[in-house]
Amino acid sequence: MISGATGFLMSRYDHMVIFFSATLIGIFGAVLLVVFFAGLMAIGTIEKLLPFIIGFDAALTGYNLVRRANGRLKYKRMWSVAAGIMMVIGVALILNIVSHYYTGGYIFYIADLLILVLIAGVFSFLGAILAIRYFKL
């Protein structure tokens, strides 16, 4: 058990719920944006926009994780980077499964995934810093 800033005890289960809910919201947001853009643009254009989509959603994931933890999470920046990386892996899995089912090809390859993991790590770190400064944690 870890004592929080608000005076009550927070279990590891609560930390995991906060971590995975922030990650799932980021995954859902990125997949939703890609599906929305797929209705408007060609796949080649969407592939060029993926770093921007991933960066935006990773920053929101890091911000959301710090906001939900509300000062009760130790190593906020590290956990937000981990959430951003998990978000990219989840998005890559979902989009590759869907694109393979519908088109027979893949959107993400290993080199693309490594670049997007780096982008997500940096932007989720920046999103966490923004939330820490905004909420003065």
Protein backbone atom coordinates (compact mmCIF):
# COMPACT_ATOMS: atom_id res chain seq x y z
CA MET A 1 0.00 0.00 0.00
CA ILE A 2 1.17 3.46 -0.87
CA SER A 3 0.03 6.50 1.02
CA GLY A 4 -1.33 9.20 -1.20
CA ALA A 5 -1.22 12.97 -0.94
CA THR A 6 -4.91 13.03 -0.07
CA GLY A 7 -4.45 10.93 3.07
CA PHE A 8 -5.94 7.60 2.01
CA LEU A 9 -4.20 4.42 0.98
CA MET A 10 -4.00 3.48 -2.66
CA SER A 11 -3.32 -0.11 -3.60
CA ARG A 12 -1.26 -1.37 -6.51
CA TYR A 13 -4.50 -2.45 -8.16
CA ASP A 14 -5.65 1.18 -8.20
CA HIS A 15 -2.36 2.22 -9.81
CA MET A 16 -2.78 -0.42 -12.50
CA VAL A 17 -6.37 0.67 -13.18
CA ILE A 18 -5.22 4.27 -13.62
CA PHE A 19 -2.33 3.20 -15.88
CA PHE A 20 -4.38 0.91 -18.12
CA SER A 21 -7.37 3.24 -18.35
CA ALA A 22 -5.13 6.10 -19.52
CA THR A 23 -3.45 3.75 -21.99
CA LEU A 24 -6.74 2.38 -23.34
CA ILE A 25 -8.13 5.88 -23.81
CA GLY A 26 -5.01 6.77 -25.81
CA ILE A 27 -5.34 3.62 -27.93
CA PHE A 28 -9.01 4.29 -28.58
CA GLY A 29 -8.29 7.92 -29.51
CA ALA A 30 -5.53 7.06 -31.97
CA VAL A 31 -7.51 4.28 -33.63
CA LEU A 32 -10.56 6.54 -33.86
CA LEU A 33 -8.52 9.30 -35.52
CA VAL A 34 -7.00 6.87 -38.03
CA VAL A 35 -10.44 5.43 -38.87
CA PHE A 36 -11.83 8.95 -39.27
CA PHE A 37 -8.99 9.96 -41.57
CA ALA A 38 -9.35 6.69 -43.52
CA GLY A 39 -12.81 7.85 -44.55
CA LEU A 40 -11.38 11.10 -45.90
CA MET A 41 -7.93 10.25 -47.27
CA ALA A 42 -5.91 7.57 -48.99
CA ILE A 43 -3.88 5.07 -46.94
CA GLY A 44 -0.60 6.60 -48.13
CA THR A 45 -1.60 9.98 -46.74
CA ILE A 46 -2.65 8.44 -43.43
CA GLU A 47 0.73 6.72 -43.14
CA LYS A 48 2.38 10.14 -43.46
CA LEU A 49 0.10 11.54 -40.74
CA LEU A 50 0.69 8.67 -38.27
CA PRO A 51 3.61 10.33 -36.42
CA PHE A 52 1.44 13.39 -35.77
CA ILE A 53 -1.52 11.28 -34.63
CA ILE A 54 0.67 9.15 -32.37
CA GLY A 55 2.45 12.20 -30.94
CA PHE A 56 -0.84 13.94 -30.17
CA ASP A 57 -2.40 10.90 -28.53
CA ALA A 58 0.79 10.06 -26.61
CA ALA A 59 0.84 13.57 -25.13
CA LEU A 60 -2.80 13.16 -24.16
CA THR A 61 -2.04 9.76 -22.63
CA GLY A 62 0.78 11.17 -20.48
CA TYR A 63 -1.37 14.12 -19.45
CA ASN A 64 -4.35 11.89 -18.67
CA LEU A 65 -2.26 9.51 -16.57
CA VAL A 66 -0.88 12.30 -14.38
CA ARG A 67 -4.30 13.93 -14.10
CA ARG A 68 -6.00 10.70 -13.04
CA ALA A 69 -3.27 9.83 -10.53
CA ASN A 70 -3.70 13.26 -8.92
CA GLY A 71 -0.31 13.30 -7.22
CA ARG A 72 -0.58 9.77 -5.83
CA LEU A 73 1.76 8.24 -8.38
CA LYS A 74 5.49 8.11 -7.81
CA TYR A 75 7.74 8.53 -10.88
CA LYS A 76 5.01 10.24 -12.90
CA ARG A 77 7.19 10.91 -15.95
CA MET A 78 8.48 7.34 -16.17
CA TRP A 79 4.98 5.87 -15.96
CA SER A 80 3.69 8.29 -18.57
CA VAL A 81 6.48 7.26 -20.98
CA ALA A 82 5.57 3.61 -20.36
CA ALA A 83 1.90 4.40 -21.01
CA GLY A 84 2.81 6.15 -24.27
CA ILE A 85 4.88 3.19 -25.43
CA MET A 86 2.11 0.75 -24.52
CA MET A 87 -0.33 2.98 -26.40
CA VAL A 88 1.78 2.78 -29.60
CA ILE A 89 2.11 -0.99 -29.34
CA GLY A 90 -1.65 -1.36 -28.88
CA VAL A 91 -2.41 0.94 -31.79
CA ALA A 92 0.07 -0.91 -34.02
CA LEU A 93 -1.48 -4.26 -33.15
CA ILE A 94 -5.04 -3.14 -33.75
CA LEU A 95 -4.32 -1.27 -36.99
CA ASN A 96 -2.15 -4.08 -38.38
CA ILE A 97 -4.81 -6.68 -37.65
CA VAL A 98 -7.54 -4.56 -39.22
CA SER A 99 -5.47 -3.55 -42.25
CA HIS A 100 -4.35 -7.13 -42.85
CA TYR A 101 -7.95 -8.30 -42.66
CA TYR A 102 -9.26 -5.69 -45.10
CA THR A 103 -6.32 -5.06 -47.46
CA GLY A 104 -3.95 -7.98 -46.99
CA GLY A 105 -1.08 -5.62 -46.09
CA TYR A 106 0.30 -3.99 -42.98
CA ILE A 107 0.50 -0.35 -41.95
CA PHE A 108 3.29 -0.70 -39.37
CA TYR A 109 6.62 -2.41 -39.88
CA ILE A 110 9.43 -2.75 -37.34
CA ALA A 111 11.30 0.41 -38.43
CA ASP A 112 8.05 2.40 -38.35
CA LEU A 113 7.20 1.02 -34.94
CA LEU A 114 10.59 1.97 -33.50
CA ILE A 115 10.25 5.54 -34.75
CA LEU A 116 6.70 5.80 -33.41
CA VAL A 117 7.78 4.38 -30.03
CA LEU A 118 10.42 7.09 -29.81
CA ILE A 119 7.88 9.76 -30.75
CA ALA A 120 5.37 8.43 -28.22
CA GLY A 121 7.95 8.30 -25.45
CA VAL A 122 8.99 11.91 -25.99
CA PHE A 123 5.47 13.29 -26.36
CA SER A 124 4.01 11.37 -23.42
CA PHE A 125 6.90 12.70 -21.31
CA LEU A 126 6.03 16.22 -22.45
CA GLY A 127 2.34 15.62 -21.74
CA ALA A 128 3.21 14.51 -18.22
CA ILE A 129 5.36 17.60 -17.67
CA LEU A 130 2.48 19.77 -18.86
CA ALA A 131 0.08 18.10 -16.42
CA ILE A 132 2.55 18.33 -13.53
CA ARG A 133 3.02 22.03 -14.11
CA TYR A 134 -0.67 22.70 -14.70
CA PHE A 135 -1.82 20.89 -11.56
CA LYS A 136 1.29 21.99 -9.57
CA LEU A 137 2.10 18.43 -8.45
